[in-house]
């Protein structure tokens, strides 16, 4: 009886060793373990705009022709808004996460420069749109979209300025 008990213990110990080594295959002598799989660093995602044009607004016939405002320009403006928002968020995170005011101010400063660039791009279209709204003129879809974007811009611009940009 003790021989069977000793053999049973040996089998259990042998199975335990095999299972903890990671499999049934014995390791080959001199075989190097496989190299670890190295994932390449993820490239930063480009800012992509998913802007949808709004419907045109009906109204009186405009007395002046609107400045050119294309869908491509609106896409560019939307991408700028996304970049401004990203910089603002990074600034808030830097300030709140580690109290790194220098980095936070640098991010807000960069966001403020983008806000100024955004305003320069829409100066003429925005003046025409202001007249169109006061005179109840018909507006192309691009101008209705610009109106919505401008509301977002005003909010971001205000937050950037209060956060130390400019």
N, C-alpha and C. Protein backbone atom coordinates (compact mmCIF):
# COMPACT_ATOMS: atom_id res chain seq x y z
N UNK A 1 0.80 -1.19 0.00
CA UNK A 1 0.00 0.00 0.00
C UNK A 1 0.85 1.26 0.00
N UNK A 2 1.93 1.36 0.83
CA UNK A 2 2.74 2.56 0.82
C UNK A 2 3.41 2.79 -0.54
N UNK A 3 3.68 1.77 -1.31
CA UNK A 3 4.30 1.95 -2.62
C UNK A 3 3.34 2.65 -3.57
N UNK A 4 2.06 2.26 -3.50
CA UNK A 4 1.07 2.93 -4.34
C UNK A 4 0.91 4.39 -3.93
N UNK A 5 0.95 4.65 -2.64
CA UNK A 5 0.80 6.01 -2.14
C UNK A 5 1.98 6.87 -2.60
N UNK A 6 3.20 6.33 -2.53
CA UNK A 6 4.38 7.05 -2.98
C UNK A 6 4.32 7.31 -4.47
N UNK A 7 3.85 6.33 -5.25
CA UNK A 7 3.74 6.50 -6.70
C UNK A 7 2.68 7.54 -7.02
N UNK A 8 1.59 7.55 -6.30
CA UNK A 8 0.51 8.53 -6.52
C UNK A 8 0.98 9.95 -6.23
N UNK A 9 1.74 10.09 -5.16
CA UNK A 9 2.27 11.41 -4.81
C UNK A 9 3.23 11.87 -5.90
N UNK A 10 4.07 10.97 -6.39
CA UNK A 10 5.03 11.32 -7.44
C UNK A 10 4.30 11.76 -8.71
N UNK A 11 3.20 11.10 -9.04
CA UNK A 11 2.43 11.47 -10.25
C UNK A 11 1.82 12.86 -10.07
N UNK A 12 1.24 13.10 -8.91
CA UNK A 12 0.61 14.41 -8.65
C UNK A 12 1.66 15.51 -8.70
N UNK A 13 2.81 15.29 -8.09
CA UNK A 13 3.89 16.29 -8.11
C UNK A 13 4.37 16.49 -9.54
N UNK A 14 4.51 15.43 -10.30
CA UNK A 14 4.95 15.53 -11.70
C UNK A 14 3.97 16.33 -12.54
N UNK A 15 2.68 16.08 -12.37
CA UNK A 15 1.66 16.85 -13.09
C UNK A 15 1.69 18.32 -12.70
N UNK A 16 1.89 18.57 -11.42
CA UNK A 16 1.97 19.97 -10.95
C UNK A 16 3.12 20.71 -11.59
N UNK A 17 4.27 20.04 -11.70
CA UNK A 17 5.45 20.66 -12.32
C UNK A 17 5.19 20.94 -13.79
N UNK A 18 4.62 19.97 -14.50
CA UNK A 18 4.34 20.15 -15.92
C UNK A 18 3.36 21.30 -16.14
N UNK A 19 2.32 21.35 -15.34
CA UNK A 19 1.32 22.40 -15.51
C UNK A 19 1.86 23.78 -15.18
N UNK A 20 2.71 23.88 -14.18
CA UNK A 20 3.25 25.20 -13.83
C UNK A 20 4.32 25.65 -14.80
N UNK A 21 4.92 24.74 -15.55
CA UNK A 21 5.92 25.14 -16.55
C UNK A 21 5.27 25.69 -17.79
N UNK A 22 3.96 25.54 -17.94
CA UNK A 22 3.29 26.18 -19.05
C UNK A 22 2.97 25.28 -20.20
N UNK A 23 3.00 23.99 -20.06
CA UNK A 23 2.56 23.17 -21.18
C UNK A 23 3.17 21.80 -21.17
N UNK A 24 2.84 21.02 -22.22
CA UNK A 24 3.29 19.64 -22.31
C UNK A 24 4.67 19.55 -22.94
N UNK A 25 5.06 20.52 -23.76
CA UNK A 25 6.29 20.42 -24.52
C UNK A 25 7.48 20.71 -23.62
N UNK A 26 8.42 19.81 -23.60
CA UNK A 26 9.62 20.10 -22.81
C UNK A 26 10.44 21.17 -23.53
N UNK A 27 11.11 21.98 -22.75
CA UNK A 27 11.91 23.06 -23.33
C UNK A 27 13.12 22.47 -24.03
N UNK A 28 13.40 22.95 -25.22
CA UNK A 28 14.56 22.48 -25.96
C UNK A 28 15.81 23.14 -25.40
N UNK A 29 16.89 22.39 -25.38
CA UNK A 29 18.13 22.95 -24.87
C UNK A 29 18.64 24.01 -25.83
N UNK A 30 19.05 25.14 -25.29
CA UNK A 30 19.64 26.19 -26.10
C UNK A 30 18.63 27.04 -26.85
N UNK A 31 17.34 26.75 -26.73
CA UNK A 31 16.33 27.54 -27.44
C UNK A 31 16.05 28.81 -26.65
N UNK A 32 16.15 29.92 -27.31
CA UNK A 32 15.88 31.19 -26.65
C UNK A 32 14.38 31.42 -26.59
N UNK A 33 13.92 32.06 -25.54
CA UNK A 33 12.50 32.36 -25.49
C UNK A 33 12.14 33.34 -26.60
N UNK A 34 10.91 33.28 -27.09
CA UNK A 34 10.53 34.18 -28.18
C UNK A 34 10.63 35.64 -27.72
N UNK A 35 11.06 36.53 -28.62
CA UNK A 35 11.19 37.93 -28.23
C UNK A 35 9.80 38.52 -27.92
N UNK A 36 9.75 39.45 -26.99
CA UNK A 36 8.47 40.05 -26.67
C UNK A 36 7.95 40.85 -27.86
N UNK A 37 6.65 40.85 -28.02
CA UNK A 37 6.03 41.58 -29.11
C UNK A 37 6.00 43.05 -28.73
N UNK A 38 6.65 43.86 -29.54
CA UNK A 38 6.71 45.29 -29.28
C UNK A 38 5.70 45.99 -30.18
N UNK A 39 4.77 46.67 -29.56
CA UNK A 39 3.78 47.42 -30.32
C UNK A 39 4.38 48.77 -30.70
N UNK A 40 4.26 49.17 -31.96
CA UNK A 40 4.78 50.49 -32.35
C UNK A 40 3.96 51.58 -31.66
N UNK A 41 4.64 52.67 -31.37
CA UNK A 41 3.95 53.79 -30.73
C UNK A 41 2.86 54.31 -31.65
N UNK A 42 1.74 54.59 -31.07
CA UNK A 42 0.62 55.09 -31.86
C UNK A 42 0.92 56.51 -32.31
N UNK A 43 0.71 56.75 -33.58
CA UNK A 43 0.91 58.09 -34.11
C UNK A 43 -0.21 58.99 -33.60
N UNK A 44 0.08 60.27 -33.36
CA UNK A 44 -0.99 61.14 -32.90
C UNK A 44 -2.08 61.22 -33.96
N UNK A 45 -3.30 61.20 -33.49
CA UNK A 45 -4.42 61.25 -34.42
C UNK A 45 -4.56 62.65 -34.99
N UNK A 46 -4.70 62.75 -36.31
CA UNK A 46 -4.92 64.07 -36.89
C UNK A 46 -6.32 64.55 -36.52
N UNK A 47 -6.45 65.85 -36.42
CA UNK A 47 -7.75 66.41 -36.10
C UNK A 47 -8.62 66.31 -37.34
N UNK A 48 -9.69 65.57 -37.22
CA UNK A 48 -10.59 65.36 -38.35
C UNK A 48 -11.93 65.97 -38.02
N UNK A 49 -12.45 66.69 -38.96
CA UNK A 49 -13.73 67.35 -38.78
C UNK A 49 -14.84 66.53 -39.42
N UNK A 50 -15.92 66.36 -38.71
CA UNK A 50 -17.09 65.66 -39.24
C UNK A 50 -18.24 66.64 -39.43
N UNK A 51 -17.94 67.79 -39.95
CA UNK A 51 -18.90 68.87 -40.05
C UNK A 51 -20.00 68.56 -41.06
N UNK A 52 -21.23 68.76 -40.64
CA UNK A 52 -22.39 68.63 -41.52
C UNK A 52 -22.95 70.02 -41.78
N UNK A 53 -23.24 70.34 -43.03
CA UNK A 53 -23.81 71.64 -43.35
C UNK A 53 -25.27 71.70 -42.92
N UNK A 54 -25.64 72.84 -42.41
CA UNK A 54 -27.03 73.06 -42.03
C UNK A 54 -27.84 73.39 -43.28
N UNK A 55 -29.13 73.45 -43.14
CA UNK A 55 -30.00 73.83 -44.26
C UNK A 55 -29.93 75.34 -44.46
N UNK A 56 -30.11 75.76 -45.69
CA UNK A 56 -30.13 77.19 -45.99
C UNK A 56 -31.32 77.85 -45.30
N UNK A 57 -31.20 79.15 -45.06
CA UNK A 57 -32.26 79.90 -44.39
C UNK A 57 -32.99 80.75 -45.41
N UNK A 58 -34.29 80.66 -45.40
CA UNK A 58 -35.11 81.45 -46.32
C UNK A 58 -35.26 82.87 -45.78
N UNK A 59 -35.51 83.79 -46.68
CA UNK A 59 -35.70 85.19 -46.28
C UNK A 59 -35.71 86.08 -47.50
N UNK A 60 -35.54 87.36 -47.25
CA UNK A 60 -35.51 88.35 -48.34
C UNK A 60 -34.26 88.16 -49.18
N UNK A 61 -34.33 88.65 -50.40
CA UNK A 61 -33.17 88.59 -51.28
C UNK A 61 -32.12 89.58 -50.77
N UNK A 62 -30.89 89.11 -50.56
CA UNK A 62 -29.84 90.01 -50.05
C UNK A 62 -29.54 91.13 -51.03
N UNK A 63 -29.24 92.31 -50.48
CA UNK A 63 -28.89 93.44 -51.34
C UNK A 63 -27.40 93.43 -51.68
N UNK A 64 -26.61 92.71 -50.92
CA UNK A 64 -25.18 92.57 -51.22
C UNK A 64 -24.84 91.09 -51.31
N UNK A 65 -23.89 90.80 -52.15
CA UNK A 65 -23.47 89.41 -52.35
C UNK A 65 -22.62 88.97 -51.15
N UNK A 66 -22.86 87.74 -50.64
CA UNK A 66 -22.07 87.29 -49.50
C UNK A 66 -20.64 86.97 -49.91
N UNK A 67 -19.67 87.23 -49.02
CA UNK A 67 -18.29 86.82 -49.30
C UNK A 67 -18.23 85.30 -49.47
N UNK A 68 -17.27 84.84 -50.23
CA UNK A 68 -17.16 83.40 -50.48
C UNK A 68 -16.89 82.66 -49.17
N UNK A 69 -17.69 81.66 -48.93
CA UNK A 69 -17.53 80.79 -47.77
C UNK A 69 -17.83 79.38 -48.24
N UNK A 70 -16.78 78.56 -48.35
CA UNK A 70 -16.94 77.22 -48.90
C UNK A 70 -17.03 76.17 -47.80
N UNK A 71 -17.47 75.00 -48.19
CA UNK A 71 -17.52 73.89 -47.24
C UNK A 71 -16.11 73.54 -46.76
N UNK A 72 -15.13 73.67 -47.64
CA UNK A 72 -13.74 73.39 -47.26
C UNK A 72 -13.27 74.38 -46.19
N UNK A 73 -13.63 75.64 -46.33
CA UNK A 73 -13.28 76.64 -45.32
C UNK A 73 -13.94 76.30 -43.99
N UNK A 74 -15.19 75.87 -44.04
CA UNK A 74 -15.89 75.49 -42.82
C UNK A 74 -15.25 74.27 -42.16
N UNK A 75 -14.80 73.33 -42.98
CA UNK A 75 -14.09 72.16 -42.44
C UNK A 75 -12.82 72.60 -41.73
N UNK A 76 -12.11 73.52 -42.34
CA UNK A 76 -10.88 74.04 -41.74
C UNK A 76 -11.18 74.76 -40.42
N UNK A 77 -12.24 75.55 -40.41
CA UNK A 77 -12.64 76.25 -39.19
C UNK A 77 -13.05 75.27 -38.09
N UNK A 78 -13.74 74.21 -38.48
CA UNK A 78 -14.16 73.20 -37.51
C UNK A 78 -12.94 72.47 -36.93
N UNK A 79 -11.97 72.18 -37.78
CA UNK A 79 -10.75 71.53 -37.31
C UNK A 79 -10.00 72.44 -36.33
N UNK A 80 -9.99 73.75 -36.61
CA UNK A 80 -9.37 74.70 -35.69
C UNK A 80 -10.10 74.70 -34.35
N UNK A 81 -11.43 74.66 -34.39
CA UNK A 81 -12.20 74.61 -33.14
C UNK A 81 -11.86 73.36 -32.34
N UNK A 82 -11.72 72.24 -33.01
CA UNK A 82 -11.36 71.00 -32.32
C UNK A 82 -9.97 71.11 -31.70
N UNK A 83 -9.04 71.73 -32.40
CA UNK A 83 -7.68 71.91 -31.87
C UNK A 83 -7.69 72.86 -30.67
N UNK A 84 -8.48 73.92 -30.75
CA UNK A 84 -8.60 74.87 -29.63
C UNK A 84 -9.15 74.14 -28.40
N UNK A 85 -10.18 73.35 -28.63
CA UNK A 85 -10.80 72.61 -27.52
C UNK A 85 -9.81 71.62 -26.90
N UNK A 86 -9.03 70.95 -27.74
CA UNK A 86 -8.04 70.00 -27.25
C UNK A 86 -6.99 70.71 -26.40
N UNK A 87 -6.49 71.84 -26.88
CA UNK A 87 -5.50 72.60 -26.11
C UNK A 87 -6.07 73.10 -24.79
N UNK A 88 -7.29 73.57 -24.83
CA UNK A 88 -7.95 74.03 -23.60
C UNK A 88 -8.06 72.88 -22.60
N UNK A 89 -8.46 71.69 -23.07
CA UNK A 89 -8.59 70.53 -22.20
C UNK A 89 -7.24 70.11 -21.63
N UNK A 90 -6.20 70.13 -22.46
CA UNK A 90 -4.86 69.78 -22.00
C UNK A 90 -4.39 70.77 -20.94
N UNK A 91 -4.72 72.03 -21.11
CA UNK A 91 -4.34 73.05 -20.14
C UNK A 91 -5.03 72.81 -18.80
N UNK A 92 -6.32 72.54 -18.86
CA UNK A 92 -7.08 72.28 -17.63
C UNK A 92 -6.53 71.05 -16.92
N UNK A 93 -6.21 70.00 -17.68
CA UNK A 93 -5.66 68.79 -17.10
C UNK A 93 -4.30 69.06 -16.46
N UNK A 94 -3.45 69.83 -17.13
CA UNK A 94 -2.13 70.14 -16.58
C UNK A 94 -2.26 70.93 -15.28
N UNK A 95 -3.18 71.84 -15.25
CA UNK A 95 -3.35 72.67 -14.06
C UNK A 95 -3.96 71.87 -12.91
N UNK A 96 -4.96 71.07 -13.21
CA UNK A 96 -5.66 70.33 -12.16
C UNK A 96 -4.88 69.09 -11.73
N UNK A 97 -4.28 68.39 -12.67
CA UNK A 97 -3.61 67.13 -12.35
C UNK A 97 -2.33 67.30 -11.58
N UNK A 98 -1.53 68.30 -11.92
CA UNK A 98 -0.23 68.44 -11.27
C UNK A 98 0.09 69.88 -10.88
N UNK A 99 -0.86 70.74 -10.99
CA UNK A 99 -0.66 72.17 -10.70
C UNK A 99 0.49 72.75 -11.52
N UNK A 100 0.62 72.29 -12.75
CA UNK A 100 1.68 72.76 -13.64
C UNK A 100 1.18 73.99 -14.38
N UNK A 101 1.28 75.14 -13.73
CA UNK A 101 0.76 76.38 -14.30
C UNK A 101 1.51 76.82 -15.55
N UNK A 102 2.79 76.54 -15.61
CA UNK A 102 3.58 76.96 -16.77
C UNK A 102 3.10 76.24 -18.04
N UNK A 103 2.90 74.93 -17.94
CA UNK A 103 2.41 74.17 -19.09
C UNK A 103 0.99 74.59 -19.42
N UNK A 104 0.17 74.79 -18.40
CA UNK A 104 -1.22 75.19 -18.62
C UNK A 104 -1.30 76.53 -19.34
N UNK A 105 -0.49 77.48 -18.92
CA UNK A 105 -0.51 78.80 -19.58
C UNK A 105 0.01 78.71 -21.02
N UNK A 106 1.01 77.86 -21.25
CA UNK A 106 1.54 77.70 -22.61
C UNK A 106 0.45 77.12 -23.52
N UNK A 107 -0.29 76.14 -23.04
CA UNK A 107 -1.36 75.54 -23.84
C UNK A 107 -2.45 76.58 -24.11
N UNK A 108 -2.83 77.34 -23.10
CA UNK A 108 -3.86 78.37 -23.28
C UNK A 108 -3.37 79.45 -24.24
N UNK A 109 -2.09 79.79 -24.16
CA UNK A 109 -1.53 80.79 -25.08
C UNK A 109 -1.61 80.31 -26.53
N UNK A 110 -1.29 79.04 -26.73
CA UNK A 110 -1.38 78.46 -28.08
C UNK A 110 -2.84 78.43 -28.55
N UNK A 111 -3.75 78.09 -27.64
CA UNK A 111 -5.18 78.08 -27.98
C UNK A 111 -5.65 79.48 -28.34
N UNK A 112 -5.15 80.48 -27.63
CA UNK A 112 -5.55 81.87 -27.90
C UNK A 112 -5.10 82.30 -29.29
N UNK A 113 -3.89 81.90 -29.68
CA UNK A 113 -3.40 82.24 -31.03
C UNK A 113 -4.30 81.60 -32.10
N UNK A 114 -4.75 80.37 -31.84
CA UNK A 114 -5.65 79.72 -32.79
C UNK A 114 -7.02 80.43 -32.82
N UNK A 115 -7.45 80.95 -31.68
CA UNK A 115 -8.70 81.71 -31.64
C UNK A 115 -8.59 82.97 -32.51
N UNK A 116 -7.45 83.64 -32.41
CA UNK A 116 -7.24 84.84 -33.23
C UNK A 116 -7.23 84.48 -34.72
N UNK A 117 -6.58 83.36 -35.05
CA UNK A 117 -6.55 82.90 -36.44
C UNK A 117 -7.97 82.60 -36.93
N UNK A 118 -8.78 81.97 -36.08
CA UNK A 118 -10.16 81.63 -36.42
C UNK A 118 -10.95 82.91 -36.71
N UNK A 119 -10.79 83.91 -35.85
CA UNK A 119 -11.52 85.17 -36.04
C UNK A 119 -11.12 85.87 -37.33
N UNK A 120 -9.85 85.84 -37.67
CA UNK A 120 -9.40 86.48 -38.90
C UNK A 120 -10.01 85.81 -40.13
N UNK A 121 -10.14 84.50 -40.09
CA UNK A 121 -10.68 83.77 -41.23
C UNK A 121 -12.16 84.08 -41.47
N UNK A 122 -12.89 84.43 -40.43
CA UNK A 122 -14.33 84.63 -40.59
C UNK A 122 -14.75 86.09 -40.52
N UNK A 123 -13.81 87.00 -40.49
CA UNK A 123 -14.15 88.41 -40.31
C UNK A 123 -15.15 88.91 -41.34
N UNK A 124 -14.84 88.78 -42.62
CA UNK A 124 -15.74 89.28 -43.67
C UNK A 124 -17.06 88.51 -43.72
N UNK A 125 -17.04 87.18 -43.72
CA UNK A 125 -18.32 86.45 -43.73
C UNK A 125 -19.20 86.77 -42.52
N UNK A 126 -18.56 86.99 -41.38
CA UNK A 126 -19.34 87.28 -40.17
C UNK A 126 -20.03 88.64 -40.25
N UNK A 127 -19.33 89.63 -40.83
CA UNK A 127 -19.96 90.95 -41.01
C UNK A 127 -21.16 90.87 -41.95
N UNK A 128 -21.02 90.10 -43.05
CA UNK A 128 -22.14 89.94 -43.97
C UNK A 128 -23.29 89.23 -43.27
N UNK A 129 -22.98 88.21 -42.51
CA UNK A 129 -24.03 87.46 -41.83
C UNK A 129 -24.76 88.31 -40.80
N UNK A 130 -24.04 89.18 -40.13
CA UNK A 130 -24.68 90.08 -39.17
C UNK A 130 -25.72 90.95 -39.88
N UNK A 131 -25.36 91.48 -41.05
CA UNK A 131 -26.33 92.26 -41.84
C UNK A 131 -27.49 91.39 -42.28
N UNK A 132 -27.20 90.17 -42.70
CA UNK A 132 -28.24 89.26 -43.16
C UNK A 132 -29.24 88.97 -42.04
N UNK A 133 -28.76 88.82 -40.84
CA UNK A 133 -29.66 88.55 -39.73
C UNK A 133 -30.50 89.78 -39.38
N UNK A 134 -29.89 90.96 -39.42
CA UNK A 134 -30.63 92.18 -39.09
C UNK A 134 -31.67 92.50 -40.16
N UNK A 135 -31.35 92.20 -41.42
CA UNK A 135 -32.25 92.53 -42.53
C UNK A 135 -33.15 91.36 -42.92
N UNK A 136 -33.02 90.23 -42.25
CA UNK A 136 -33.80 89.02 -42.52
C UNK A 136 -33.60 88.53 -43.96
N UNK A 137 -32.33 88.49 -44.38
CA UNK A 137 -32.00 88.02 -45.71
C UNK A 137 -31.95 86.49 -45.73
N UNK A 138 -32.11 85.94 -46.92
CA UNK A 138 -31.90 84.51 -47.12
C UNK A 138 -30.39 84.24 -46.97
N UNK A 139 -30.04 83.10 -46.36
CA UNK A 139 -28.63 82.78 -46.14
C UNK A 139 -28.32 81.39 -46.68
N UNK A 140 -27.19 81.27 -47.37
CA UNK A 140 -26.77 79.94 -47.84
C UNK A 140 -26.49 79.01 -46.65
N UNK A 141 -26.48 77.73 -46.92
CA UNK A 141 -26.26 76.72 -45.88
C UNK A 141 -24.93 76.95 -45.14
N UNK A 142 -23.92 77.39 -45.86
CA UNK A 142 -22.61 77.62 -45.24
C UNK A 142 -22.69 78.68 -44.14
N UNK A 143 -23.50 79.71 -44.38
CA UNK A 143 -23.62 80.78 -43.40
C UNK A 143 -24.44 80.37 -42.18
N UNK A 144 -25.41 79.52 -42.37
CA UNK A 144 -26.18 79.00 -41.24
C UNK A 144 -25.27 78.11 -40.38
N UNK A 145 -24.43 77.32 -41.04
CA UNK A 145 -23.47 76.48 -40.33
C UNK A 145 -22.47 77.34 -39.58
N UNK A 146 -21.99 78.41 -40.21
CA UNK A 146 -21.06 79.33 -39.56
C UNK A 146 -21.66 79.92 -38.29
N UNK A 147 -22.93 80.24 -38.35
CA UNK A 147 -23.61 80.81 -37.18
C UNK A 147 -23.55 79.85 -35.99
N UNK A 148 -23.79 78.58 -36.25
CA UNK A 148 -23.72 77.56 -35.19
C UNK A 148 -22.29 77.40 -34.68
N UNK A 149 -21.35 77.41 -35.61
CA UNK A 149 -19.95 77.27 -35.21
C UNK A 149 -19.49 78.47 -34.39
N UNK A 150 -20.00 79.64 -34.72
CA UNK A 150 -19.59 80.85 -34.02
C UNK A 150 -20.02 80.81 -32.55
N UNK A 151 -21.18 80.23 -32.28
CA UNK A 151 -21.63 80.09 -30.89
C UNK A 151 -20.65 79.21 -30.10
N UNK A 152 -20.20 78.13 -30.71
CA UNK A 152 -19.22 77.25 -30.07
C UNK A 152 -17.90 77.99 -29.88
N UNK A 153 -17.50 78.74 -30.91
CA UNK A 153 -16.25 79.49 -30.84
C UNK A 153 -16.29 80.51 -29.70
N UNK A 154 -17.40 81.23 -29.56
CA UNK A 154 -17.50 82.24 -28.51
C UNK A 154 -17.30 81.62 -27.12
N UNK A 155 -17.90 80.47 -26.91
CA UNK A 155 -17.77 79.79 -25.62
C UNK A 155 -16.31 79.38 -25.38
N UNK A 156 -15.69 78.76 -26.37
CA UNK A 156 -14.30 78.34 -26.23
C UNK A 156 -13.37 79.54 -26.05
N UNK A 157 -13.57 80.58 -26.82
CA UNK A 157 -12.74 81.77 -26.74
C UNK A 157 -12.82 82.38 -25.34
N UNK A 158 -14.01 82.41 -24.79
CA UNK A 158 -14.21 82.95 -23.44
C UNK A 158 -13.46 82.10 -22.41
N UNK A 159 -13.56 80.78 -22.55
CA UNK A 159 -12.87 79.88 -21.61
C UNK A 159 -11.36 79.99 -21.73
N UNK A 160 -10.87 80.14 -22.95
CA UNK A 160 -9.42 80.28 -23.17
C UNK A 160 -8.93 81.57 -22.54
N UNK A 161 -9.65 82.64 -22.75
CA UNK A 161 -9.23 83.93 -22.19
C UNK A 161 -9.26 83.92 -20.66
N UNK A 162 -10.29 83.33 -20.09
CA UNK A 162 -10.38 83.24 -18.63
C UNK A 162 -9.31 82.30 -18.06
N UNK A 163 -8.91 81.34 -18.87
CA UNK A 163 -7.91 80.37 -18.43
C UNK A 163 -6.47 80.86 -18.54
N UNK A 164 -6.27 82.07 -18.99
CA UNK A 164 -4.92 82.61 -19.06
C UNK A 164 -4.37 82.80 -20.46
N UNK A 165 -5.14 82.45 -21.47
CA UNK A 165 -4.69 82.69 -22.84
C UNK A 165 -4.90 84.14 -23.21
N UNK A 166 -3.96 84.72 -23.92
CA UNK A 166 -4.09 86.08 -24.41
C UNK A 166 -3.85 87.06 -23.40
